[in-house]
PDB file of N, CA and C in Angstrom:
ATOM      1  N   UNK A   1      28.837 -21.507  -1.077  1.00  0.00           N
ATOM      2  CA  UNK A   1      27.565 -22.243  -0.087  1.00  0.00           C
ATOM      3  C   UNK A   1      26.682 -22.473  -0.999  1.00  0.00           C
ATOM      4  N   UNK A   2      25.878 -23.674  -1.158  1.00  0.00           N
ATOM      5  CA  UNK A   2      25.066 -24.133  -1.858  1.00  0.00           C
ATOM      6  C   UNK A   2      23.455 -24.601  -1.040  1.00  0.00           C
ATOM      7  N   UNK A   3      22.752 -24.533  -2.066  1.00  0.00           N
ATOM      8  CA  UNK A   3      20.787 -24.720  -1.025  1.00  0.00           C
ATOM      9  C   UNK A   3      20.889 -26.156  -1.843  1.00  0.00           C
ATOM     10  N   UNK A   4      20.436 -26.524  -1.774  1.00  0.00           N
ATOM     11  CA  UNK A   4      19.517 -28.020  -2.729  1.00  0.00           C
ATOM     12  C   UNK A   4      18.077 -27.785  -1.690  1.00  0.00           C
ATOM     13  N   UNK A   5      17.078 -27.440  -2.557  1.00  0.00           N
ATOM     14  CA  UNK A   5      15.610 -27.072  -2.242  1.00  0.00           C
ATOM     15  C   UNK A   5      15.207 -28.461  -2.048  1.00  0.00           C
ATOM     16  N   UNK A   6      15.224 -29.366  -2.720  1.00  0.00           N
ATOM     17  CA  UNK A   6      14.473 -30.493  -2.603  1.00  0.00           C
ATOM     18  C   UNK A   6      15.255 -31.330  -1.510  1.00  0.00           C
ATOM     19  N   UNK A   7      16.325 -31.459  -0.873  1.00  0.00           N
ATOM     20  CA  UNK A   7      16.464 -31.819   0.358  1.00  0.00           C
ATOM     21  C   UNK A   7      16.417 -30.920   1.677  1.00  0.00           C
ATOM     22  N   UNK A   8      16.103 -29.683   1.131  1.00  0.00           N
ATOM     23  CA  UNK A   8      16.283 -28.356   1.776  1.00  0.00           C
ATOM     24  C   UNK A   8      17.542 -28.299   3.054  1.00  0.00           C
ATOM     25  N   UNK A   9      18.483 -28.380   2.211  1.00  0.00           N
ATOM     26  CA  UNK A   9      19.973 -28.263   2.650  1.00  0.00           C
ATOM     27  C   UNK A   9      20.906 -27.569   2.362  1.00  0.00           C
ATOM     28  N   UNK A  10      21.387 -26.986   3.634  1.00  0.00           N
ATOM     29  CA  UNK A  10      22.847 -25.992   2.551  1.00  0.00           C
ATOM     30  C   UNK A  10      23.849 -26.751   3.095  1.00  0.00           C
ATOM     31  N   UNK A  11      25.037 -26.640   1.842  1.00  0.00           N
ATOM     32  CA  UNK A  11      26.192 -27.007   2.042  1.00  0.00           C
ATOM     33  C   UNK A  11      27.130 -26.040   2.098  1.00  0.00           C
ATOM     34  N   UNK A  12      27.744 -26.185   3.087  1.00  0.00           N
ATOM     35  CA  UNK A  12      28.878 -25.023   2.859  1.00  0.00           C
ATOM     36  C   UNK A  12      30.502 -25.507   2.906  1.00  0.00           C
ATOM     37  N   UNK A  13      31.365 -25.654   1.875  1.00  0.00           N
ATOM     38  CA  UNK A  13      32.408 -26.469   1.832  1.00  0.00           C
ATOM     39  C   UNK A  13      33.189 -25.339   2.269  1.00  0.00           C
ATOM     40  N   UNK A  14      34.168 -25.717   3.292  1.00  0.00           N
ATOM     41  CA  UNK A  14      35.229 -24.382   4.115  1.00  0.00           C
ATOM     42  C   UNK A  14      36.602 -25.044   3.282  1.00  0.00           C
ATOM     43  N   UNK A  15      36.609 -26.138   3.432  1.00  0.00           N
ATOM     44  CA  UNK A  15      37.815 -26.363   2.428  1.00  0.00           C
ATOM     45  C   UNK A  15      37.897 -28.047   1.696  1.00  0.00           C
ATOM     46  N   UNK A  16      39.266 -28.267   0.830  1.00  0.00           N
ATOM     47  CA  UNK A  16      39.191 -29.298  -0.184  1.00  0.00           C
ATOM     48  C   UNK A  16      39.712 -30.753   0.864  1.00  0.00           C
ATOM     49  N   UNK A  17      39.857 -30.640   2.122  1.00  0.00           N
ATOM     50  CA  UNK A  17      40.801 -31.708   2.703  1.00  0.00           C
ATOM     51  C   UNK A  17      39.722 -32.654   2.491  1.00  0.00           C
ATOM     52  N   UNK A  18      40.153 -34.127   2.849  1.00  0.00           N
ATOM     53  CA  UNK A  18      39.583 -35.498   2.890  1.00  0.00           C
ATOM     54  C   UNK A  18      38.823 -35.017   4.241  1.00  0.00           C
ATOM     55  N   UNK A  19      37.418 -35.645   4.222  1.00  0.00           N
ATOM     56  CA  UNK A  19      36.542 -36.045   5.327  1.00  0.00           C
ATOM     57  C   UNK A  19      37.276 -37.105   6.245  1.00  0.00           C
ATOM     58  N   UNK A  20      37.214 -36.739   7.102  1.00  0.00           N
ATOM     59  CA  UNK A  20      37.287 -38.162   8.372  1.00  0.00           C
ATOM     60  C   UNK A  20      36.250 -38.620   8.806  1.00  0.00           C
ATOM     61  N   UNK A  21      35.254 -37.498   9.236  1.00  0.00           N
ATOM     62  CA  UNK A  21      34.448 -38.148  10.457  1.00  0.00           C
ATOM     63  C   UNK A  21      33.685 -37.311  10.211  1.00  0.00           C
ATOM     64  N   UNK A  22      32.374 -36.950  10.978  1.00  0.00           N
ATOM     65  CA  UNK A  22      31.269 -36.166  11.181  1.00  0.00           C
ATOM     66  C   UNK A  22      30.383 -36.063  12.485  1.00  0.00           C
ATOM     67  N   UNK A  23      30.337 -34.757  12.819  1.00  0.00           N
ATOM     68  CA  UNK A  23      29.651 -34.631  14.037  1.00  0.00           C
ATOM     69  C   UNK A  23      28.131 -34.378  14.237  1.00  0.00           C
ATOM     70  N   UNK A  24      27.429 -34.406  14.677  1.00  0.00           N
ATOM     71  CA  UNK A  24      26.219 -33.618  14.437  1.00  0.00           C
ATOM     72  C   UNK A  24      25.407 -33.191  15.869  1.00  0.00           C
ATOM     73  N   UNK A  25      25.125 -31.703  15.334  1.00  0.00           N
ATOM     74  CA  UNK A  25      25.020 -30.830  16.425  1.00  0.00           C
ATOM     75  C   UNK A  25      23.396 -30.454  15.996  1.00  0.00           C
ATOM     76  N   UNK A  26      22.266 -30.735  16.633  1.00  0.00           N
ATOM     77  CA  UNK A  26      21.039 -30.425  16.295  1.00  0.00           C
ATOM     78  C   UNK A  26      20.428 -30.509  14.991  1.00  0.00           C
ATOM     79  N   UNK A  27      20.710 -29.200  14.209  1.00  0.00           N
ATOM     80  CA  UNK A  27      20.624 -29.329  12.526  1.00  0.00           C
ATOM     81  C   UNK A  27      21.669 -29.176  11.931  1.00  0.00           C
ATOM     82  N   UNK A  28      23.143 -29.243  12.686  1.00  0.00           N
ATOM     83  CA  UNK A  28      24.003 -29.043  11.822  1.00  0.00           C
ATOM     84  C   UNK A  28      25.001 -30.452  11.889  1.00  0.00           C
ATOM     85  N   UNK A  29      25.380 -30.422  10.558  1.00  0.00           N
ATOM     86  CA  UNK A  29      26.541 -31.900  10.698  1.00  0.00           C
ATOM     87  C   UNK A  29      27.526 -31.244   9.935  1.00  0.00           C
ATOM     88  N   UNK A  30      28.964 -31.282  10.602  1.00  0.00           N
ATOM     89  CA  UNK A  30      30.171 -30.698  10.975  1.00  0.00           C
ATOM     90  C   UNK A  30      30.702 -32.160  10.335  1.00  0.00           C
ATOM     91  N   UNK A  31      31.595 -31.574   9.107  1.00  0.00           N
ATOM     92  CA  UNK A  31      32.613 -33.030   9.063  1.00  0.00           C
ATOM     93  C   UNK A  31      34.046 -32.203   8.828  1.00  0.00           C
ATOM     94  N   UNK A  32      34.682 -33.178   9.496  1.00  0.00           N
ATOM     95  CA  UNK A  32      36.009 -32.840  10.195  1.00  0.00           C
ATOM     96  C   UNK A  32      36.930 -33.641   9.315  1.00  0.00           C
ATOM     97  N   UNK A  33      38.224 -32.892   9.372  1.00  0.00           N
ATOM     98  CA  UNK A  33      39.603 -33.776   8.601  1.00  0.00           C
ATOM     99  C   UNK A  33      40.182 -34.349   9.565  1.00  0.00           C
ATOM    100  N   UNK A  34      41.073 -35.156   9.621  1.00  0.00           N
ATOM    101  CA  UNK A  34      41.673 -35.998  10.726  1.00  0.00           C
ATOM    102  C   UNK A  34      42.723 -35.296  11.407  1.00  0.00           C
ATOM    103  N   UNK A  35      42.727 -33.713  10.915  1.00  0.00           N
ATOM    104  CA  UNK A  35      43.062 -33.052  12.032  1.00  0.00           C
ATOM    105  C   UNK A  35      42.268 -32.425  12.842  1.00  0.00           C
ATOM    106  N   UNK A  36      41.128 -32.783  12.500  1.00  0.00           N
ATOM    107  CA  UNK A  36      39.645 -32.209  13.560  1.00  0.00           C
ATOM    108  C   UNK A  36      39.281 -30.717  13.007  1.00  0.00           C
ATOM    109  N   UNK A  37      40.044 -30.211  11.720  1.00  0.00           N
ATOM    110  CA  UNK A  37      39.285 -29.205  11.079  1.00  0.00           C
ATOM    111  C   UNK A  37      37.954 -29.002  10.500  1.00  0.00           C
ATOM    112  N   UNK A  38      37.422 -28.286  10.731  1.00  0.00           N
ATOM    113  CA  UNK A  38      36.215 -28.250   9.831  1.00  0.00           C
ATOM    114  C   UNK A  38      36.616 -28.241   8.380  1.00  0.00           C
ATOM    115  N   UNK A  39      35.589 -29.267   7.492  1.00  0.00           N
ATOM    116  CA  UNK A  39      35.753 -29.207   6.009  1.00  0.00           C
ATOM    117  C   UNK A  39      34.423 -29.070   5.481  1.00  0.00           C
ATOM    118  N   UNK A  40      33.400 -29.382   5.555  1.00  0.00           N
ATOM    119  CA  UNK A  40      32.247 -28.939   5.119  1.00  0.00           C
ATOM    120  C   UNK A  40      30.994 -28.894   6.309  1.00  0.00           C
ATOM    121  N   UNK A  41      30.024 -27.957   5.976  1.00  0.00           N
ATOM    122  CA  UNK A  41      29.156 -28.037   6.968  1.00  0.00           C
ATOM    123  C   UNK A  41      27.866 -27.809   6.635  1.00  0.00           C
ATOM    124  N   UNK A  42      26.629 -28.863   6.615  1.00  0.00           N
ATOM    125  CA  UNK A  42      25.501 -29.141   6.372  1.00  0.00           C
ATOM    126  C   UNK A  42      24.400 -28.599   7.360  1.00  0.00           C
ATOM    127  N   UNK A  43      23.744 -27.541   7.032  1.00  0.00           N
ATOM    128  CA  UNK A  43      22.480 -26.802   7.598  1.00  0.00           C
ATOM    129  C   UNK A  43      21.066 -27.938   7.394  1.00  0.00           C
ATOM    130  N   UNK A  44      20.538 -28.553   8.265  1.00  0.00           N
ATOM    131  CA  UNK A  44      19.366 -29.500   7.911  1.00  0.00           C
ATOM    132  C   UNK A  44      18.267 -28.417   7.862  1.00  0.00           C
ATOM    133  N   UNK A  45      16.701 -28.723   7.797  1.00  0.00           N
ATOM    134  CA  UNK A  45      15.772 -27.903   7.616  1.00  0.00           C
ATOM    135  C   UNK A  45      16.330 -25.835   7.470  1.00  0.00           C
ATOM    136  N   UNK A  46      17.059 -26.018   6.294  1.00  0.00           N
ATOM    137  CA  UNK A  46      17.397 -24.984   6.045  1.00  0.00           C
ATOM    138  C   UNK A  46      16.759 -23.776   5.764  1.00  0.00           C
ATOM    139  N   UNK A  47      15.524 -23.847   5.180  1.00  0.00           N
ATOM    140  CA  UNK A  47      14.801 -22.735   5.069  1.00  0.00           C
ATOM    141  C   UNK A  47      14.359 -22.532   6.463  1.00  0.00           C
ATOM    142  N   UNK A  48      14.386 -22.966   7.189  1.00  0.00           N
ATOM    143  CA  UNK A  48      13.809 -22.412   8.603  1.00  0.00           C
ATOM    144  C   UNK A  48      15.104 -21.911   9.239  1.00  0.00           C
ATOM    145  N   UNK A  49      15.923 -22.673   9.157  1.00  0.00           N
ATOM    146  CA  UNK A  49      17.510 -21.881   9.447  1.00  0.00           C
ATOM    147  C   UNK A  49      17.804 -20.263   8.942  1.00  0.00           C
ATOM    148  N   UNK A  50      17.546 -20.244   7.552  1.00  0.00           N
ATOM    149  CA  UNK A  50      17.473 -19.266   6.899  1.00  0.00           C
ATOM    150  C   UNK A  50      16.745 -17.926   7.013  1.00  0.00           C
ATOM    151  N   UNK A  51      15.363 -18.438   7.491  1.00  0.00           N
ATOM    152  CA  UNK A  51      14.292 -17.192   7.941  1.00  0.00           C
ATOM    153  C   UNK A  51      14.855 -16.969   9.351  1.00  0.00           C
ATOM    154  N   UNK A  52      15.865 -17.343   9.832  1.00  0.00           N
ATOM    155  CA  UNK A  52      16.016 -16.766  11.823  1.00  0.00           C
ATOM    156  C   UNK A  52      17.399 -15.994  10.937  1.00  0.00           C
ATOM    157  N   UNK A  53      18.058 -16.433   9.955  1.00  0.00           N
ATOM    158  CA  UNK A  53      19.615 -15.709  10.389  1.00  0.00           C
ATOM    159  C   UNK A  53      19.260 -14.278   9.573  1.00  0.00           C
ATOM    160  N   UNK A  54      20.176 -13.363   9.741  1.00  0.00           N
ATOM    161  CA  UNK A  54      20.473 -11.954   8.729  1.00  0.00           C
ATOM    162  C   UNK A  54      21.625 -12.208   8.658  1.00  0.00           C
ATOM    163  N   UNK A  55      22.242 -11.094   8.129  1.00  0.00           N
ATOM    164  CA  UNK A  55      23.751 -11.273   7.577  1.00  0.00           C
ATOM    165  C   UNK A  55      24.557 -10.812   8.560  1.00  0.00           C
ATOM    166  N   UNK A  56      24.255 -10.057   9.586  1.00  0.00           N
ATOM    167  CA  UNK A  56      25.016  -9.865  10.723  1.00  0.00           C
ATOM    168  C   UNK A  56      25.284 -11.092  11.315  1.00  0.00           C
ATOM    169  N   UNK A  57      24.163 -11.958  11.484  1.00  0.00           N
ATOM    170  CA  UNK A  57      24.733 -13.452  12.413  1.00  0.00           C
ATOM    171  C   UNK A  57      25.345 -14.269  11.795  1.00  0.00           C
ATOM    172  N   UNK A  58      24.998 -14.400  10.105  1.00  0.00           N
ATOM    173  CA  UNK A  58      26.111 -15.351   9.316  1.00  0.00           C
ATOM    174  C   UNK A  58      27.304 -14.891   9.418  1.00  0.00           C
ATOM    175  N   UNK A  59      27.572 -13.427   9.312  1.00  0.00           N
ATOM    176  CA  UNK A  59      29.398 -13.127   9.736  1.00  0.00           C
ATOM    177  C   UNK A  59      29.838 -13.783  10.668  1.00  0.00           C
ATOM    178  N   UNK A  60      28.944 -13.395  11.929  1.00  0.00           N
ATOM    179  CA  UNK A  60      29.590 -14.020  13.329  1.00  0.00           C
ATOM    180  C   UNK A  60      29.371 -15.735  13.206  1.00  0.00           C
ATOM    181  N   UNK A  61      28.543 -16.410  12.546  1.00  0.00           N
ATOM    182  CA  UNK A  61      28.874 -17.410  12.662  1.00  0.00           C
ATOM    183  C   UNK A  61      30.056 -17.961  11.564  1.00  0.00           C
ATOM    184  N   UNK A  62      30.190 -17.280  10.282  1.00  0.00           N
ATOM    185  CA  UNK A  62      31.469 -17.257   9.716  1.00  0.00           C
ATOM    186  C   UNK A  62      32.492 -17.370  10.625  1.00  0.00           C
ATOM    187  N   UNK A  63      32.715 -16.411  11.445  1.00  0.00           N
ATOM    188  CA  UNK A  63      33.916 -16.023  12.326  1.00  0.00           C
ATOM    189  C   UNK A  63      34.086 -17.176  13.010  1.00  0.00           C
ATOM    190  N   UNK A  64      33.323 -17.687  14.027  1.00  0.00           N
ATOM    191  CA  UNK A  64      32.916 -18.637  14.820  1.00  0.00           C
ATOM    192  C   UNK A  64      33.689 -19.888  14.236  1.00  0.00           C
ATOM    193  N   UNK A  65      33.246 -20.056  13.279  1.00  0.00           N
ATOM    194  CA  UNK A  65      33.566 -21.246  12.461  1.00  0.00           C
ATOM    195  C   UNK A  65      35.232 -21.574  12.146  1.00  0.00           C
ATOM    196  N   UNK A  66      35.480 -20.249  11.538  1.00  0.00           N
ATOM    197  CA  UNK A  66      36.597 -19.900  10.817  1.00  0.00           C
ATOM    198  C   UNK A  66      37.743 -20.159  12.257  1.00  0.00           C
ATOM    199  N   UNK A  67      37.586 -19.734  13.560  1.00  0.00           N
ATOM    200  CA  UNK A  67      38.215 -19.634  14.784  1.00  0.00           C
ATOM    201  C   UNK A  67      38.427 -21.213  15.477  1.00  0.00           C
ATOM    202  N   UNK A  68      37.516 -22.202  14.913  1.00  0.00           N
ATOM    203  CA  UNK A  68      37.539 -23.464  15.503  1.00  0.00           C
ATOM    204  C   UNK A  68      38.968 -24.306  14.379  1.00  0.00           C
ATOM    205  N   UNK A  69      39.101 -23.773  13.305  1.00  0.00           N
ATOM    206  CA  UNK A  69      39.762 -24.456  12.526  1.00  0.00           C
ATOM    207  C   UNK A  69      41.437 -24.506  12.489  1.00  0.00           C
TER     208      UNK A  69
END
């Protein structure tokens, strides 16, 4: 996971698969492979998002993303 302070963006690379397309869900951009597997998740306005997350919620988020793949 990488935080870019200048753009206030969190990038979370899940796999090295090539990106085929992306979908935007609110402050999230989910990049998908041709098989619709999540490859990269970007979180816009990351400082606001991070302030609302705690470690327990983050683990639940990771589990949900893993189950969609």
